[in-house]
């Protein structure tokens, strides 16, 4: 399907824009954050809880669903929407990042030169070649193969609204020559993905594509490579554009790399920033012109007892399992409408649950974190429509609570 991004407002002092992304299973108001439903679930939550917080799209993980339960089984259930009972849009990644992670660990591991966590487990890369990636499954140790065509076939079977092309997620600590060669391979894989999708992708009764395909910009931290990759993706038949790969060793470098890429992109296609979700990164990403973001941050922090809170010093989180909260009768955040705060659960009670490894505590903090991010994005959208993004961003960075700054999103 062609891109259906309608830009409805622009910020006069930055690249930020707000609009509506129309997809097969509904619309997404942008800029938006996309929670991870990695294995067909936002961990610990029901789909209706996620939707009630204000989220309109979730992200499913192609790599993990490919290995288990298998895309063929999901297709028998009518696709991922029916399988997980999520009615709204779904974006699926390509599997490229997971291949990267098996060889290099998380982005933080790779940048800091640490060994990949779980590197001694069953899952491991065997070979990255032109045809695709051969690896051992972390599920049973069997040898598996993932190619551009396989990735698109899996995503077609899952029936996602947005499918990402298969890419090589270039490591940070490699040479410029390796990065250039890797990026060129990603561009060749892009064409193979688009060709497969045009011939085999899911279509509606009128023959129109039901799946929007996003190309992925690579190029590491090298300006000329990032800009060149952005130009290639922009000139391709991809209906949307994602920015991926290692974006740098610190936030300032990441913002610079994203800025290079966005500077080369057309205005008429949606832009997605892969794997980014810290509060300050969401604010800056919106200013840089990003439409959608995905990240495990809010839910992962919640499961570890870390709650998102306003913070003028930029930390944005507090460890509720800390001893100082043992007799604290306050809620996580005064005035917060999330289920944890609105029902009056105290920090002391949440600490008790977390220290006791009770799932209820993890769920409540996860719900709070997602609510925090949803209201943050609502504030940013509203500010773009009102023409007050600079003031809103300053207030949020200064410690204003999300939700207090929202107004009508449309004049």
Foldseek 3Di string as FASTA:
>chain_A
DFWDWDWDFFFPPFQFTWTWTQALLGIDTWLEEAEEPAQLHNPPDALVLLVVLPGQEHEYELQVVCVPPHLVVCLVLVASCSVRVHRGAYEYEQCQVVLVCLAQADLLSNLVVHRHVCVVALWHWPDQDLQFTWIADSVPNDIDTGGQLNSLVSCQSNVGREYETHAHQDHQPDDQVVQLVRLVSLLVSVVVNVVSCVVPHDDDPVRHHNHAYEYEFGRHLDLVRRLVSLLSRQPDPHNAYEYGHNQDDDDVSNLVSLLSNLVNHDPRHAYEYEADDQLLCVLSVSSSHHIYYYHNPLLVCLLQQWAAAQDLVRPRIDRLLDPVQLPFQAFPDPPQPFPRRVVRPGSNNLNVCNVVSHSVSSSRRSRRSSSQSSLSRQLCLQCSQVNNSVVSSVVRSRGDGRPPRHDDNHD
